[in-house]
Protein backbone atom coordinates (compact mmCIF):
# COMPACT_ATOMS: atom_id res chain seq x y z
CA UNK A 1 5.32 -49.28 -18.56
CA UNK A 2 8.43 -47.52 -19.70
CA UNK A 3 11.48 -46.01 -18.21
CA UNK A 4 12.70 -43.24 -20.49
CA UNK A 5 15.76 -41.76 -18.78
CA UNK A 6 17.56 -41.23 -15.42
CA UNK A 7 19.50 -38.16 -14.25
CA UNK A 8 21.73 -37.84 -11.16
CA UNK A 9 22.61 -34.42 -9.75
CA UNK A 10 24.98 -33.44 -7.12
CA UNK A 11 23.96 -30.69 -4.55
CA UNK A 12 25.37 -28.08 -6.75
CA UNK A 13 23.34 -28.85 -9.79
CA UNK A 14 26.02 -30.67 -11.73
CA UNK A 15 24.81 -33.76 -13.69
CA UNK A 16 26.94 -36.57 -12.42
CA UNK A 17 25.25 -39.32 -14.52
CA UNK A 18 22.80 -39.50 -17.32
CA UNK A 19 21.39 -42.43 -19.27
CA UNK A 20 18.42 -43.03 -21.49
CA UNK A 21 16.68 -46.35 -22.38
CA UNK A 22 13.57 -45.29 -24.31
CA UNK A 23 13.65 -41.79 -25.23
CA UNK A 24 11.59 -41.13 -28.29
CA UNK A 25 12.29 -37.31 -28.68
CA UNK A 26 15.45 -35.44 -28.25
CA UNK A 27 15.42 -31.85 -26.61
CA UNK A 28 17.20 -30.19 -29.67
CA UNK A 29 19.74 -28.65 -27.46
CA UNK A 30 23.13 -29.75 -26.06
CA UNK A 31 23.03 -32.27 -23.05
CA UNK A 32 24.70 -29.62 -20.86
CA UNK A 33 21.98 -27.30 -21.61
CA UNK A 34 19.44 -29.85 -21.12
CA UNK A 35 20.98 -30.75 -17.59
CA UNK A 36 20.87 -27.04 -16.54
CA UNK A 37 17.17 -26.72 -17.67
CA UNK A 38 16.27 -29.92 -15.71
CA UNK A 39 18.01 -28.97 -12.60
CA UNK A 40 16.57 -25.35 -12.70
CA UNK A 41 13.00 -26.71 -13.23
CA UNK A 42 13.53 -29.12 -10.20
CA UNK A 43 14.91 -26.31 -8.18
CA UNK A 44 11.89 -24.07 -8.94
CA UNK A 45 9.36 -26.76 -8.38
CA UNK A 46 10.91 -27.75 -5.01
CA UNK A 47 10.70 -24.22 -3.99
CA UNK A 48 7.18 -23.59 -5.09
CA UNK A 49 5.92 -26.81 -3.50
CA UNK A 50 7.56 -26.02 -0.15
CA UNK A 51 6.13 -22.52 -0.13
CA UNK A 52 2.64 -23.57 -1.29
CA UNK A 53 2.11 -26.57 0.96
CA UNK A 54 -0.38 -26.02 3.70
CA UNK A 55 1.46 -28.58 6.04
CA UNK A 56 5.15 -29.18 6.80
CA UNK A 57 6.05 -31.74 4.27
CA UNK A 58 8.39 -34.49 5.30
CA UNK A 59 8.65 -36.05 1.99
CA UNK A 60 8.61 -32.96 0.03
CA UNK A 61 8.34 -32.98 -3.96
CA UNK A 62 8.03 -36.58 -5.11
CA UNK A 63 6.73 -36.49 -8.70
CA UNK A 64 4.74 -34.60 -11.30
CA UNK A 65 3.22 -35.62 -14.65
CA UNK A 66 2.45 -34.05 -17.98
CA UNK A 67 0.15 -35.55 -20.68
CA UNK A 68 3.16 -37.63 -21.89
CA UNK A 69 5.36 -38.54 -19.03
CA UNK A 70 5.76 -38.75 -15.33
CA UNK A 71 8.95 -37.29 -13.60
CA UNK A 72 9.95 -39.15 -10.41
CA UNK A 73 12.17 -37.43 -7.94
CA UNK A 74 14.39 -38.60 -5.01
CA UNK A 75 16.70 -36.49 -3.01
CA UNK A 76 19.10 -37.96 -0.43
CA UNK A 77 20.13 -36.39 2.92
CA UNK A 78 23.58 -35.59 1.20
CA UNK A 79 21.95 -33.68 -1.58
CA UNK A 80 22.14 -35.98 -4.39
CA UNK A 81 18.99 -35.83 -6.66
CA UNK A 82 17.80 -38.74 -8.64
CA UNK A 83 15.30 -37.98 -11.54
CA UNK A 84 13.75 -40.69 -13.51
CA UNK A 85 11.26 -40.05 -16.32
CA UNK A 86 8.73 -42.85 -17.10
CA UNK A 87 5.46 -43.27 -18.90
CA UNK A 88 2.22 -42.31 -17.10
CA UNK A 89 1.44 -45.97 -16.13
CA UNK A 90 4.33 -45.81 -13.41
CA UNK A 91 2.50 -44.39 -10.46
CA UNK A 92 5.31 -44.24 -7.90
CA UNK A 93 9.04 -44.95 -8.45
CA UNK A 94 10.37 -43.65 -5.14
CA UNK A 95 11.41 -47.22 -3.98
CA UNK A 96 13.11 -47.74 -7.27
CA UNK A 97 15.08 -44.58 -6.88
CA UNK A 98 15.91 -45.32 -3.30
CA UNK A 99 17.32 -48.80 -4.37
CA UNK A 100 19.44 -47.23 -7.06
CA UNK A 101 20.90 -44.94 -4.53
CA UNK A 102 21.48 -47.44 -1.68
CA UNK A 103 22.23 -50.51 -3.45
CA UNK A 104 23.88 -49.35 -6.67
CA UNK A 105 25.28 -45.76 -6.08
CA UNK A 106 26.64 -46.47 -2.57
CA UNK A 107 27.89 -49.84 -3.33
CA UNK A 108 29.69 -49.05 -6.64
CA UNK A 109 30.51 -45.27 -6.40
CA UNK A 110 30.78 -44.33 -2.68
CA UNK A 111 32.43 -47.48 -1.55
CA UNK A 112 34.80 -47.60 -4.58
CA UNK A 113 38.21 -45.83 -3.77
CA UNK A 114 39.13 -45.19 -7.33
CA UNK A 115 35.66 -43.53 -8.13
CA UNK A 116 35.46 -39.67 -7.66
CA UNK A 117 31.84 -39.12 -6.82
CA UNK A 118 32.27 -35.28 -7.09
CA UNK A 119 32.61 -35.33 -10.97
CA UNK A 120 31.12 -37.36 -13.65
CA UNK A 121 30.46 -41.00 -12.77
CA UNK A 122 32.45 -42.89 -15.17
CA UNK A 123 32.26 -46.45 -13.54
CA UNK A 124 31.46 -49.00 -16.09
CA UNK A 125 30.51 -51.42 -13.21
CA UNK A 126 27.92 -48.91 -11.77
CA UNK A 127 26.57 -48.35 -15.39
CA UNK A 128 26.14 -52.02 -16.18
CA UNK A 129 24.58 -52.78 -12.92
CA UNK A 130 22.09 -49.92 -13.28
CA UNK A 131 21.28 -51.00 -16.82
CA UNK A 132 20.80 -54.61 -15.65
CA UNK A 133 18.59 -53.36 -12.81
CA UNK A 134 16.55 -50.92 -15.02
CA UNK A 135 15.89 -53.78 -17.50
CA UNK A 136 14.77 -56.18 -14.81
CA UNK A 137 12.07 -53.67 -13.61
CA UNK A 138 8.50 -54.61 -14.20
CA UNK A 139 8.38 -51.49 -16.39
CA UNK A 140 9.15 -52.07 -20.01
CA UNK A 141 12.21 -50.51 -21.71
């Protein structure tokens, strides 16, 4: 099992954080353009899922997969969006994304008075703790 990368978007679609661990192929475009495309795709998928669902969905959109990877999605009540791409053997990473939000993001970004969570997350402590957490997962990196 492999974690490829992680995006954190704010409610306006700005990418606050990005890191990759085992990404074999680059997109061939700038990171900023990649972030816009990813957010646009997520916005469209969420809209499509909410309109096509026969039932009122409490959880909403959780993940989708292609023939090569699975995208896992977690949205907080405040509108932060956590997106993690893994290989196909990772069936559900929702708890992992919830842990990243509640135990890492809240602890090292929200509770840190010198960290501005409305711009790019430049906290070395957050990055190092996140990296250690991802490397300790039962998924391979």
